[in-house]
Amino acid sequence: MIKLSYWRIGPIGAVLVGIILPAAIAMAEETTRGSVPTDLASAYRTIGLGVAAAFAIALSVLGAGYAVGRIGSAALGAAAEKPELLTRSILFVALAEGLAVLGFAIAMMLIQKI
């Protein structure tokens, strides 16, 4: 079990806030410049869709990276003992990478709604 300490959460939260807030401000400015109505509800909807797309891609890529790391190390360990297991274990690594692709596809669908 991974034990998170509080000193790790602070910098991660600061990085996420530092990325998401400027992106939300830039997207709000973009809606006022475009042909989109400038009412407040439309701006909030656009910002919400942008933040949702950012979270979709960020969480899916982080989850896929974690899964590939864990599965890949176990696959190489198994392949060191029994080389015939390598092709079967590569399939599991590819399934974990598919998580990132699905997150990217969902993020693109959300961006198209803007």
PDB file of N, CA and C in Angstrom:
ATOM      1  N   MET A   1       0.840  -1.176   0.000  1.00  0.00           N
ATOM      2  CA  MET A   1       0.000   0.000   0.000  1.00  0.00           C
ATOM      3  C   MET A   1       0.884   1.238   0.000  1.00  0.00           C
ATOM      4  N   ILE A   2       0.553   2.191  -0.800  1.00  0.00           N
ATOM      5  CA  ILE A   2       1.330   3.416  -0.874  1.00  0.00           C
ATOM      6  C   ILE A   2       0.821   4.380   0.184  1.00  0.00           C
ATOM      7  N   LYS A   3       1.735   4.906   0.957  1.00  0.00           N
ATOM      8  CA  LYS A   3       1.366   5.840   2.007  1.00  0.00           C
ATOM      9  C   LYS A   3       1.768   7.245   1.560  1.00  0.00           C
ATOM     10  N   LEU A   4       0.769   8.095   1.363  1.00  0.00           N
ATOM     11  CA  LEU A   4       1.041   9.465   0.936  1.00  0.00           C
ATOM     12  C   LEU A   4       1.327  10.325   2.153  1.00  0.00           C
ATOM     13  N   SER A   5       2.355  11.094   2.066  1.00  0.00           N
ATOM     14  CA  SER A   5       2.639  12.031   3.146  1.00  0.00           C
ATOM     15  C   SER A   5       2.186  13.422   2.719  1.00  0.00           C
ATOM     16  N   TYR A   6       2.005  14.310   3.677  1.00  0.00           N
ATOM     17  CA  TYR A   6       1.453  15.623   3.392  1.00  0.00           C
ATOM     18  C   TYR A   6       2.403  16.514   2.609  1.00  0.00           C
ATOM     19  N   TRP A   7       3.687  16.274   2.676  1.00  0.00           N
ATOM     20  CA  TRP A   7       4.613  17.144   1.956  1.00  0.00           C
ATOM     21  C   TRP A   7       4.547  16.917   0.457  1.00  0.00           C
ATOM     22  N   ARG A   8       4.024  15.779   0.005  1.00  0.00           N
ATOM     23  CA  ARG A   8       3.871  15.536  -1.427  1.00  0.00           C
ATOM     24  C   ARG A   8       2.610  16.180  -1.981  1.00  0.00           C
ATOM     25  N   ILE A   9       1.573  16.247  -1.193  1.00  0.00           N
ATOM     26  CA  ILE A   9       0.300  16.758  -1.678  1.00  0.00           C
ATOM     27  C   ILE A   9       0.368  18.261  -1.929  1.00  0.00           C
ATOM     28  N   GLY A  10       1.113  18.993  -1.128  1.00  0.00           N
ATOM     29  CA  GLY A  10       1.224  20.441  -1.307  1.00  0.00           C
ATOM     30  C   GLY A  10       1.790  20.842  -2.658  1.00  0.00           C
ATOM     31  N   PRO A  11       2.958  20.345  -3.055  1.00  0.00           N
ATOM     32  CA  PRO A  11       3.498  20.712  -4.368  1.00  0.00           C
ATOM     33  C   PRO A  11       2.645  20.224  -5.527  1.00  0.00           C
ATOM     34  N   ILE A  12       2.046  19.035  -5.392  1.00  0.00           N
ATOM     35  CA  ILE A  12       1.196  18.538  -6.471  1.00  0.00           C
ATOM     36  C   ILE A  12      -0.024  19.434  -6.630  1.00  0.00           C
ATOM     37  N   GLY A  13      -0.636  19.812  -5.518  1.00  0.00           N
ATOM     38  CA  GLY A  13      -1.784  20.709  -5.582  1.00  0.00           C
ATOM     39  C   GLY A  13      -1.409  22.065  -6.151  1.00  0.00           C
ATOM     40  N   ALA A  14      -0.241  22.572  -5.800  1.00  0.00           N
ATOM     41  CA  ALA A  14       0.200  23.859  -6.328  1.00  0.00           C
ATOM     42  C   ALA A  14       0.419  23.792  -7.833  1.00  0.00           C
ATOM     43  N   VAL A  15       0.964  22.684  -8.311  1.00  0.00           N
ATOM     44  CA  VAL A  15       1.177  22.537  -9.751  1.00  0.00           C
ATOM     45  C   VAL A  15      -0.164  22.449 -10.472  1.00  0.00           C
ATOM     46  N   LEU A  16      -1.103  21.664  -9.917  1.00  0.00           N
ATOM     47  CA  LEU A  16      -2.407  21.559 -10.560  1.00  0.00           C
ATOM     48  C   LEU A  16      -3.132  22.898 -10.606  1.00  0.00           C
ATOM     49  N   VAL A  17      -3.085  23.641  -9.509  1.00  0.00           N
ATOM     50  CA  VAL A  17      -3.732  24.952  -9.491  1.00  0.00           C
ATOM     51  C   VAL A  17      -3.015  25.901 -10.446  1.00  0.00           C
ATOM     52  N   GLY A  18      -1.697  25.808 -10.514  1.00  0.00           N
ATOM     53  CA  GLY A  18      -0.933  26.660 -11.415  1.00  0.00           C
ATOM     54  C   GLY A  18      -1.189  26.363 -12.874  1.00  0.00           C
ATOM     55  N   ILE A  19      -1.627  25.159 -13.184  1.00  0.00           N
ATOM     56  CA  ILE A  19      -1.931  24.806 -14.572  1.00  0.00           C
ATOM     57  C   ILE A  19      -3.390  25.096 -14.898  1.00  0.00           C
ATOM     58  N   ILE A  20      -4.293  24.747 -13.999  1.00  0.00           N
ATOM     59  CA  ILE A  20      -5.720  24.830 -14.309  1.00  0.00           C
ATOM     60  C   ILE A  20      -6.234  26.270 -14.286  1.00  0.00           C
ATOM     61  N   LEU A  21      -5.807  27.069 -13.324  1.00  0.00           N
ATOM     62  CA  LEU A  21      -6.312  28.441 -13.257  1.00  0.00           C
ATOM     63  C   LEU A  21      -5.938  29.282 -14.475  1.00  0.00           C
ATOM     64  N   PRO A  22      -4.684  29.318 -14.923  1.00  0.00           N
ATOM     65  CA  PRO A  22      -4.395  30.087 -16.136  1.00  0.00           C
ATOM     66  C   PRO A  22      -5.137  29.557 -17.359  1.00  0.00           C
ATOM     67  N   ALA A  23      -5.313  28.237 -17.444  1.00  0.00           N
ATOM     68  CA  ALA A  23      -6.052  27.675 -18.573  1.00  0.00           C
ATOM     69  C   ALA A  23      -7.511  28.114 -18.534  1.00  0.00           C
ATOM     70  N   ALA A  24      -8.107  28.139 -17.346  1.00  0.00           N
ATOM     71  CA  ALA A  24      -9.502  28.567 -17.224  1.00  0.00           C
ATOM     72  C   ALA A  24      -9.648  30.044 -17.568  1.00  0.00           C
ATOM     73  N   ILE A  25      -8.704  30.862 -17.151  1.00  0.00           N
ATOM     74  CA  ILE A  25      -8.757  32.295 -17.469  1.00  0.00           C
ATOM     75  C   ILE A  25      -8.593  32.515 -18.962  1.00  0.00           C
ATOM     76  N   ALA A  26      -7.662  31.784 -19.576  1.00  0.00           N
ATOM     77  CA  ALA A  26      -7.453  31.920 -21.022  1.00  0.00           C
ATOM     78  C   ALA A  26      -8.682  31.482 -21.792  1.00  0.00           C
ATOM     79  N   MET A  27      -9.336  30.415 -21.333  1.00  0.00           N
ATOM     80  CA  MET A  27     -10.536  29.956 -22.030  1.00  0.00           C
ATOM     81  C   MET A  27     -11.690  30.940 -21.852  1.00  0.00           C
ATOM     82  N   ALA A  28     -11.771  31.578 -20.701  1.00  0.00           N
ATOM     83  CA  ALA A  28     -12.820  32.572 -20.494  1.00  0.00           C
ATOM     84  C   ALA A  28     -12.593  33.785 -21.391  1.00  0.00           C
ATOM     85  N   GLU A  29     -11.335  34.193 -21.558  1.00  0.00           N
ATOM     86  CA  GLU A  29     -11.039  35.304 -22.454  1.00  0.00           C
ATOM     87  C   GLU A  29     -11.327  34.932 -23.898  1.00  0.00           C
ATOM     88  N   GLU A  30     -11.098  33.680 -24.246  1.00  0.00           N
ATOM     89  CA  GLU A  30     -11.346  33.231 -25.617  1.00  0.00           C
ATOM     90  C   GLU A  30     -12.838  33.293 -25.952  1.00  0.00           C
ATOM     91  N   THR A  31     -13.688  32.974 -24.989  1.00  0.00           N
ATOM     92  CA  THR A  31     -15.123  33.016 -25.269  1.00  0.00           C
ATOM     93  C   THR A  31     -15.615  34.443 -25.451  1.00  0.00           C
ATOM     94  N   THR A  32     -15.009  35.403 -24.779  1.00  0.00           N
ATOM     95  CA  THR A  32     -15.455  36.776 -24.952  1.00  0.00           C
ATOM     96  C   THR A  32     -14.991  37.350 -26.281  1.00  0.00           C
ATOM     97  N   ARG A  33     -13.895  36.831 -26.842  1.00  0.00           N
ATOM     98  CA  ARG A  33     -13.406  37.323 -28.126  1.00  0.00           C
ATOM     99  C   ARG A  33     -14.121  36.690 -29.303  1.00  0.00           C
ATOM    100  N   GLY A  34     -14.623  35.491 -29.160  1.00  0.00           N
ATOM    101  CA  GLY A  34     -15.225  34.765 -30.267  1.00  0.00           C
ATOM    102  C   GLY A  34     -16.665  35.189 -30.498  1.00  0.00           C
ATOM    103  N   SER A  35     -17.338  34.411 -31.333  1.00  0.00           N
ATOM    104  CA  SER A  35     -18.732  34.708 -31.655  1.00  0.00           C
ATOM    105  C   SER A  35     -19.697  34.086 -30.652  1.00  0.00           C
ATOM    106  N   VAL A  36     -19.174  33.508 -29.591  1.00  0.00           N
ATOM    107  CA  VAL A  36     -20.001  32.893 -28.561  1.00  0.00           C
ATOM    108  C   VAL A  36     -20.664  34.005 -27.747  1.00  0.00           C
ATOM    109  N   PRO A  37     -21.903  33.823 -27.329  1.00  0.00           N
ATOM    110  CA  PRO A  37     -22.534  34.845 -26.498  1.00  0.00           C
ATOM    111  C   PRO A  37     -21.711  35.112 -25.235  1.00  0.00           C
ATOM    112  N   THR A  38     -21.687  36.357 -24.826  1.00  0.00           N
ATOM    113  CA  THR A  38     -20.824  36.752 -23.711  1.00  0.00           C
ATOM    114  C   THR A  38     -21.539  36.712 -22.368  1.00  0.00           C
ATOM    115  N   ASP A  39     -22.647  36.011 -22.265  1.00  0.00           N
ATOM    116  CA  ASP A  39     -23.297  35.943 -20.963  1.00  0.00           C
ATOM    117  C   ASP A  39     -22.465  35.069 -20.018  1.00  0.00           C
ATOM    118  N   LEU A  40     -22.694  35.242 -18.751  1.00  0.00           N
ATOM    119  CA  LEU A  40     -21.876  34.600 -17.729  1.00  0.00           C
ATOM    120  C   LEU A  40     -22.049  33.087 -17.713  1.00  0.00           C
ATOM    121  N   ALA A  41     -23.256  32.608 -17.972  1.00  0.00           N
ATOM    122  CA  ALA A  41     -23.501  31.162 -17.964  1.00  0.00           C
ATOM    123  C   ALA A  41     -22.709  30.467 -19.060  1.00  0.00           C
ATOM    124  N   SER A  42     -22.603  31.080 -20.221  1.00  0.00           N
ATOM    125  CA  SER A  42     -21.848  30.483 -21.317  1.00  0.00           C
ATOM    126  C   SER A  42     -20.359  30.437 -20.997  1.00  0.00           C
ATOM    127  N   ALA A  43     -19.856  31.475 -20.361  1.00  0.00           N
ATOM    128  CA  ALA A  43     -18.443  31.490 -19.986  1.00  0.00           C
ATOM    129  C   ALA A  43     -18.152  30.414 -18.952  1.00  0.00           C
ATOM    130  N   TYR A  44     -19.029  30.252 -17.968  1.00  0.00           N
ATOM    131  CA  TYR A  44     -18.834  29.218 -16.954  1.00  0.00           C
ATOM    132  C   TYR A  44     -18.938  27.820 -17.557  1.00  0.00           C
ATOM    133  N   ARG A  45     -19.838  27.642 -18.521  1.00  0.00           N
ATOM    134  CA  ARG A  45     -19.972  26.349 -19.186  1.00  0.00           C
ATOM    135  C   ARG A  45     -18.690  26.024 -19.955  1.00  0.00           C
ATOM    136  N   THR A  46     -18.144  26.997 -20.628  1.00  0.00           N
ATOM    137  CA  THR A  46     -16.910  26.784 -21.385  1.00  0.00           C
ATOM    138  C   THR A  46     -15.750  26.458 -20.453  1.00  0.00           C
ATOM    139  N   ILE A  47     -15.648  27.184 -19.366  1.00  0.00           N
ATOM    140  CA  ILE A  47     -14.585  26.921 -18.392  1.00  0.00           C
ATOM    141  C   ILE A  47     -14.768  25.533 -17.781  1.00  0.00           C
ATOM    142  N   GLY A  48     -15.981  25.176 -17.463  1.00  0.00           N
ATOM    143  CA  GLY A  48     -16.245  23.858 -16.887  1.00  0.00           C
ATOM    144  C   GLY A  48     -15.891  22.730 -17.840  1.00  0.00           C
ATOM    145  N   LEU A  49     -16.223  22.881 -19.120  1.00  0.00           N
ATOM    146  CA  LEU A  49     -15.876  21.858 -20.096  1.00  0.00           C
ATOM    147  C   LEU A  49     -14.359  21.752 -20.270  1.00  0.00           C
ATOM    148  N   GLY A  50     -13.674  22.885 -20.245  1.00  0.00           N
ATOM    149  CA  GLY A  50     -12.218  22.862 -20.358  1.00  0.00           C
ATOM    150  C   GLY A  50     -11.555  22.199 -19.167  1.00  0.00           C
ATOM    151  N   VAL A  51     -12.038  22.506 -17.980  1.00  0.00           N
ATOM    152  CA  VAL A  51     -11.490  21.891 -16.776  1.00  0.00           C
ATOM    153  C   VAL A  51     -11.802  20.393 -16.757  1.00  0.00           C
ATOM    154  N   ALA A  52     -12.998  20.015 -17.191  1.00  0.00           N
ATOM    155  CA  ALA A  52     -13.354  18.595 -17.239  1.00  0.00           C
ATOM    156  C   ALA A  52     -12.464  17.839 -18.220  1.00  0.00           C
ATOM    157  N   ALA A  53     -12.171  18.458 -19.362  1.00  0.00           N
ATOM    158  CA  ALA A  53     -11.278  17.819 -20.330  1.00  0.00           C
ATOM    159  C   ALA A  53      -9.868  17.696 -19.772  1.00  0.00           C
ATOM    160  N   ALA A  54      -9.408  18.725 -19.062  1.00  0.00           N
ATOM    161  CA  ALA A  54      -8.068  18.674 -18.464  1.00  0.00           C
ATOM    162  C   ALA A  54      -7.987  17.580 -17.415  1.00  0.00           C
ATOM    163  N   PHE A  55      -9.008  17.461 -16.575  1.00  0.00           N
ATOM    164  CA  PHE A  55      -9.013  16.408 -15.567  1.00  0.00           C
ATOM    165  C   PHE A  55      -9.100  15.022 -16.204  1.00  0.00           C
ATOM    166  N   ALA A  56      -9.889  14.902 -17.279  1.00  0.00           N
ATOM    167  CA  ALA A  56     -10.034  13.596 -17.938  1.00  0.00           C
ATOM    168  C   ALA A  56      -8.697  13.115 -18.474  1.00  0.00           C
ATOM    169  N   ILE A  57      -7.981  13.976 -19.160  1.00  0.00           N
ATOM    170  CA  ILE A  57      -6.705  13.553 -19.736  1.00  0.00           C
ATOM    171  C   ILE A  57      -5.653  13.393 -18.643  1.00  0.00           C
ATOM    172  N   ALA A  58      -5.636  14.274 -17.654  1.00  0.00           N
ATOM    173  CA  ALA A  58      -4.612  14.198 -16.614  1.00  0.00           C
ATOM    174  C   ALA A  58      -4.755  12.932 -15.781  1.00  0.00           C
ATOM    175  N   LEU A  59      -5.953  12.639 -15.333  1.00  0.00           N
ATOM    176  CA  LEU A  59      -6.147  11.467 -14.487  1.00  0.00           C
ATOM    177  C   LEU A  59      -5.958  10.168 -15.256  1.00  0.00           C
ATOM    178  N   SER A  60      -6.395  10.142 -16.508  1.00  0.00           N
ATOM    179  CA  SER A  60      -6.219   8.901 -17.268  1.00  0.00           C
ATOM    180  C   SER A  60      -4.753   8.653 -17.595  1.00  0.00           C
ATOM    181  N   VAL A  61      -3.993   9.698 -17.893  1.00  0.00           N
ATOM    182  CA  VAL A  61      -2.572   9.508 -18.184  1.00  0.00           C
ATOM    183  C   VAL A  61      -1.807   9.135 -16.913  1.00  0.00           C
ATOM    184  N   LEU A  62      -2.136   9.764 -15.798  1.00  0.00           N
ATOM    185  CA  LEU A  62      -1.477   9.389 -14.549  1.00  0.00           C
ATOM    186  C   LEU A  62      -1.808   7.948 -14.156  1.00  0.00           C
ATOM    187  N   GLY A  63      -3.053   7.570 -14.297  1.00  0.00           N
ATOM    188  CA  GLY A  63      -3.441   6.195 -13.994  1.00  0.00           C
ATOM    189  C   GLY A  63      -2.789   5.187 -14.933  1.00  0.00           C
ATOM    190  N   ALA A  64      -2.717   5.527 -16.214  1.00  0.00           N
ATOM    191  CA  ALA A  64      -2.082   4.634 -17.172  1.00  0.00           C
ATOM    192  C   ALA A  64      -0.590   4.518 -16.905  1.00  0.00           C
ATOM    193  N   GLY A  65       0.043   5.621 -16.555  1.00  0.00           N
ATOM    194  CA  GLY A  65       1.470   5.571 -16.237  1.00  0.00           C
ATOM    195  C   GLY A  65       1.747   4.716 -15.028  1.00  0.00           C
ATOM    196  N   TYR A  66       0.920   4.839 -14.019  1.00  0.00           N
ATOM    197  CA  TYR A  66       1.071   4.013 -12.814  1.00  0.00           C
ATOM    198  C   TYR A  66       0.857   2.540 -13.148  1.00  0.00           C
ATOM    199  N   ALA A  67      -0.186   2.264 -13.932  1.00  0.00           N
ATOM    200  CA  ALA A  67      -0.489   0.876 -14.278  1.00  0.00           C
ATOM    201  C   ALA A  67       0.606   0.266 -15.147  1.00  0.00           C
ATOM    202  N   VAL A  68       1.100   1.016 -16.122  1.00  0.00           N
ATOM    203  CA  VAL A  68       2.160   0.489 -16.987  1.00  0.00           C
ATOM    204  C   VAL A  68       3.428   0.234 -16.177  1.00  0.00           C
ATOM    205  N   GLY A  69       3.725   1.107 -15.229  1.00  0.00           N
ATOM    206  CA  GLY A  69       4.896   0.906 -14.394  1.00  0.00           C
ATOM    207  C   GLY A  69       4.796  -0.359 -13.559  1.00  0.00           C
ATOM    208  N   ARG A  70       3.652  -0.552 -12.941  1.00  0.00           N
ATOM    209  CA  ARG A  70       3.476  -1.746 -12.100  1.00  0.00           C
ATOM    210  C   ARG A  70       3.404  -3.021 -12.941  1.00  0.00           C
ATOM    211  N   ILE A  71       2.616  -2.985 -14.004  1.00  0.00           N
ATOM    212  CA  ILE A  71       2.450  -4.177 -14.838  1.00  0.00           C
ATOM    213  C   ILE A  71       3.734  -4.474 -15.605  1.00  0.00           C
ATOM    214  N   GLY A  72       4.400  -3.434 -16.090  1.00  0.00           N
ATOM    215  CA  GLY A  72       5.632  -3.642 -16.847  1.00  0.00           C
ATOM    216  C   GLY A  72       6.731  -4.265 -16.007  1.00  0.00           C
ATOM    217  N   SER A  73       6.863  -3.803 -14.775  1.00  0.00           N
ATOM    218  CA  SER A  73       7.899  -4.392 -13.927  1.00  0.00           C
ATOM    219  C   SER A  73       7.568  -5.844 -13.582  1.00  0.00           C
ATOM    220  N   ALA A  74       6.299  -6.135 -13.347  1.00  0.00           N
ATOM    221  CA  ALA A  74       5.908  -7.516 -13.076  1.00  0.00           C
ATOM    222  C   ALA A  74       6.073  -8.391 -14.318  1.00  0.00           C
ATOM    223  N   ALA A  75       5.799  -7.823 -15.486  1.00  0.00           N
ATOM    224  CA  ALA A  75       5.937  -8.584 -16.732  1.00  0.00           C
ATOM    225  C   ALA A  75       7.395  -8.924 -17.007  1.00  0.00           C
ATOM    226  N   LEU A  76       8.282  -7.975 -16.778  1.00  0.00           N
ATOM    227  CA  LEU A  76       9.695  -8.262 -16.996  1.00  0.00           C
ATOM    228  C   LEU A  76      10.234  -9.247 -15.972  1.00  0.00           C
ATOM    229  N   GLY A  77       9.735  -9.180 -14.759  1.00  0.00           N
ATOM    230  CA  GLY A  77      10.128 -10.163 -13.757  1.00  0.00           C
ATOM    231  C   GLY A  77       9.669 -11.562 -14.123  1.00  0.00           C
ATOM    232  N   ALA A  78       8.445 -11.649 -14.637  1.00  0.00           N
ATOM    233  CA  ALA A  78       7.934 -12.952 -15.050  1.00  0.00           C
ATOM    234  C   ALA A  78       8.675 -13.458 -16.285  1.00  0.00           C
ATOM    235  N   ALA A  79       9.011 -12.545 -17.203  1.00  0.00           N
ATOM    236  CA  ALA A  79       9.724 -12.941 -18.418  1.00  0.00           C
ATOM    237  C   ALA A  79      11.148 -13.379 -18.114  1.00  0.00           C
ATOM    238  N   ALA A  80      11.728 -12.881 -17.045  1.00  0.00           N
ATOM    239  CA  ALA A  80      13.071 -13.313 -16.673  1.00  0.00           C
ATOM    240  C   ALA A  80      13.066 -14.761 -16.204  1.00  0.00           C
ATOM    241  N   GLU A  81      11.984 -15.178 -15.564  1.00  0.00           N
ATOM    242  CA  GLU A  81      11.901 -16.548 -15.090  1.00  0.00           C
ATOM    243  C   GLU A  81      11.381 -17.509 -16.158  1.00  0.00           C
ATOM    244  N   LYS A  82      10.355 -17.050 -16.906  1.00  0.00           N
ATOM    245  CA  LYS A  82       9.777 -17.884 -17.971  1.00  0.00           C
ATOM    246  C   LYS A  82       9.643 -17.028 -19.226  1.00  0.00           C
ATOM    247  N   PRO A  83      10.561 -17.111 -20.166  1.00  0.00           N
ATOM    248  CA  PRO A  83      10.532 -16.248 -21.361  1.00  0.00           C
ATOM    249  C   PRO A  83       9.285 -16.399 -22.223  1.00  0.00           C
ATOM    250  N   GLU A  84       8.597 -17.519 -22.149  1.00  0.00           N
ATOM    251  CA  GLU A  84       7.401 -17.688 -22.976  1.00  0.00           C
ATOM    252  C   GLU A  84       6.226 -16.842 -22.480  1.00  0.00           C
ATOM    253  N   LEU A  85       6.331 -16.253 -21.302  1.00  0.00           N
ATOM    254  CA  LEU A  85       5.267 -15.385 -20.786  1.00  0.00           C
ATOM    255  C   LEU A  85       5.359 -13.946 -21.281  1.00  0.00           C
ATOM    256  N   LEU A  86       6.413 -13.605 -22.011  1.00  0.00           N
ATOM    257  CA  LEU A  86       6.621 -12.215 -22.415  1.00  0.00           C
ATOM    258  C   LEU A  86       5.518 -11.707 -23.337  1.00  0.00           C
ATOM    259  N   THR A  87       5.128 -12.489 -24.342  1.00  0.00           N
ATOM    260  CA  THR A  87       4.102 -12.018 -25.276  1.00  0.00           C
ATOM    261  C   THR A  87       2.752 -11.860 -24.588  1.00  0.00           C
ATOM    262  N   ARG A  88       2.446 -12.737 -23.657  1.00  0.00           N
ATOM    263  CA  ARG A  88       1.182 -12.627 -22.939  1.00  0.00           C
ATOM    264  C   ARG A  88       1.181 -11.414 -22.008  1.00  0.00           C
ATOM    265  N   SER A  89       2.311 -11.127 -21.398  1.00  0.00           N
ATOM    266  CA  SER A  89       2.369  -9.995 -20.472  1.00  0.00           C
ATOM    267  C   SER A  89       2.383  -8.658 -21.200  1.00  0.00           C
ATOM    268  N   ILE A  90       2.884  -8.638 -22.431  1.00  0.00           N
ATOM    269  CA  ILE A  90       2.848  -7.393 -23.216  1.00  0.00           C
ATOM    270  C   ILE A  90       1.396  -6.998 -23.504  1.00  0.00           C
ATOM    271  N   LEU A  91       0.528  -7.967 -23.625  1.00  0.00           N
ATOM    272  CA  LEU A  91      -0.898  -7.688 -23.828  1.00  0.00           C
ATOM    273  C   LEU A  91      -1.473  -6.902 -22.653  1.00  0.00           C
ATOM    274  N   PHE A  92      -1.086  -7.256 -21.443  1.00  0.00           N
ATOM    275  CA  PHE A  92      -1.589  -6.544 -20.271  1.00  0.00           C
ATOM    276  C   PHE A  92      -1.039  -5.115 -20.213  1.00  0.00           C
ATOM    277  N   VAL A  93       0.187  -4.925 -20.649  1.00  0.00           N
ATOM    278  CA  VAL A  93       0.754  -3.574 -20.700  1.00  0.00           C
ATOM    279  C   VAL A  93       0.003  -2.733 -21.730  1.00  0.00           C
ATOM    280  N   ALA A  94      -0.345  -3.337 -22.863  1.00  0.00           N
ATOM    281  CA  ALA A  94      -1.095  -2.613 -23.889  1.00  0.00           C
ATOM    282  C   ALA A  94      -2.491  -2.238 -23.396  1.00  0.00           C
ATOM    283  N   LEU A  95      -3.103  -3.100 -22.608  1.00  0.00           N
ATOM    284  CA  LEU A  95      -4.417  -2.767 -22.048  1.00  0.00           C
ATOM    285  C   LEU A  95      -4.328  -1.577 -21.095  1.00  0.00           C
ATOM    286  N   ALA A  96      -3.253  -1.505 -20.344  1.00  0.00           N
ATOM    287  CA  ALA A  96      -3.070  -0.372 -19.440  1.00  0.00           C
ATOM    288  C   ALA A  96      -2.832   0.914 -20.226  1.00  0.00           C
ATOM    289  N   GLU A  97      -2.133   0.818 -21.353  1.00  0.00           N
ATOM    290  CA  GLU A  97      -1.911   2.008 -22.179  1.00  0.00           C
ATOM    291  C   GLU A  97      -3.205   2.469 -22.839  1.00  0.00           C
ATOM    292  N   GLY A  98      -4.124   1.551 -23.056  1.00  0.00           N
ATOM    293  CA  GLY A  98      -5.412   1.914 -23.637  1.00  0.00           C
ATOM    294  C   GLY A  98      -6.200   2.867 -22.752  1.00  0.00           C
ATOM    295  N   LEU A  99      -5.915   2.856 -21.467  1.00  0.00           N
ATOM    296  CA  LEU A  99      -6.575   3.780 -20.545  1.00  0.00           C
ATOM    297  C   LEU A  99      -6.258   5.232 -20.907  1.00  0.00           C
ATOM    298  N   ALA A 100      -5.017   5.503 -21.267  1.00  0.00           N
ATOM    299  CA  ALA A 100      -4.629   6.861 -21.653  1.00  0.00           C
ATOM    300  C   ALA A 100      -5.300   7.260 -22.965  1.00  0.00           C
ATOM    301  N   VAL A 101      -5.427   6.330 -23.879  1.00  0.00           N
ATOM    302  CA  VAL A 101      -6.067   6.625 -25.161  1.00  0.00           C
ATOM    303  C   VAL A 101      -7.546   6.947 -24.951  1.00  0.00           C
ATOM    304  N   LEU A 102      -8.197   6.207 -24.082  1.00  0.00           N
ATOM    305  CA  LEU A 102      -9.613   6.488 -23.805  1.00  0.00           C
ATOM    306  C   LEU A 102      -9.793   7.846 -23.128  1.00  0.00           C
ATOM    307  N   GLY A 103      -8.899   8.193 -22.216  1.00  0.00           N
ATOM    308  CA  GLY A 103      -8.965   9.511 -21.589  1.00  0.00           C
ATOM    309  C   GLY A 103      -8.772  10.624 -22.603  1.00  0.00           C
ATOM    310  N   PHE A 104      -7.864  10.415 -23.548  1.00  0.00           N
ATOM    311  CA  PHE A 104      -7.643  11.399 -24.605  1.00  0.00           C
ATOM    312  C   PHE A 104      -8.884  11.542 -25.477  1.00  0.00           C
ATOM    313  N   ALA A 105      -9.527  10.432 -25.809  1.00  0.00           N
ATOM    314  CA  ALA A 105     -10.732  10.482 -26.634  1.00  0.00           C
ATOM    315  C   ALA A 105     -11.866  11.215 -25.914  1.00  0.00           C
ATOM    316  N   ILE A 106     -12.014  10.972 -24.632  1.00  0.00           N
ATOM    317  CA  ILE A 106     -13.063  11.665 -23.871  1.00  0.00           C
ATOM    318  C   ILE A 106     -12.760  13.149 -23.791  1.00  0.00           C
ATOM    319  N   ALA A 107     -11.488  13.497 -23.589  1.00  0.00           N
ATOM    320  CA  ALA A 107     -11.116  14.913 -23.528  1.00  0.00           C
ATOM    321  C   ALA A 107     -11.404  15.606 -24.868  1.00  0.00           C
ATOM    322  N   MET A 108     -11.144  14.941 -25.966  1.00  0.00           N
ATOM    323  CA  MET A 108     -11.425  15.536 -27.276  1.00  0.00           C
ATOM    324  C   MET A 108     -12.923  15.712 -27.504  1.00  0.00           C
ATOM    325  N   MET A 109     -13.728  14.768 -27.030  1.00  0.00           N
ATOM    326  CA  MET A 109     -15.173  14.928 -27.156  1.00  0.00           C
ATOM    327  C   MET A 109     -15.671  16.111 -26.321  1.00  0.00           C
ATOM    328  N   LEU A 110     -15.079  16.314 -25.148  1.00  0.00           N
ATOM    329  CA  LEU A 110     -15.478  17.444 -24.318  1.00  0.00           C
ATOM    330  C   LEU A 110     -15.055  18.768 -24.952  1.00  0.00           C
ATOM    331  N   ILE A 111     -13.878  18.806 -25.541  1.00  0.00           N
ATOM    332  CA  ILE A 111     -13.402  20.035 -26.185  1.00  0.00           C
ATOM    333  C   ILE A 111     -14.272  20.389 -27.385  1.00  0.00           C
ATOM    334  N   GLN A 112     -14.783  19.395 -28.097  1.00  0.00           N
ATOM    335  CA  GLN A 112     -15.631  19.662 -29.254  1.00  0.00           C
ATOM    336  C   GLN A 112     -16.961  20.283 -28.867  1.00  0.00           C
ATOM    337  N   LYS A 113     -17.372  20.130 -27.615  1.00  0.00           N
ATOM    338  CA  LYS A 113     -18.629  20.739 -27.156  1.00  0.00           C
ATOM    339  C   LYS A 113     -18.491  22.227 -26.885  1.00  0.00           C
ATOM    340  N   ILE A 114     -17.275  22.710 -26.813  1.00  0.00           N
ATOM    341  CA  ILE A 114     -17.072  24.138 -26.496  1.00  0.00           C
ATOM    342  C   ILE A 114     -17.501  25.001 -27.649  1.00  0.00           C
TER     343      ILE A 114
END
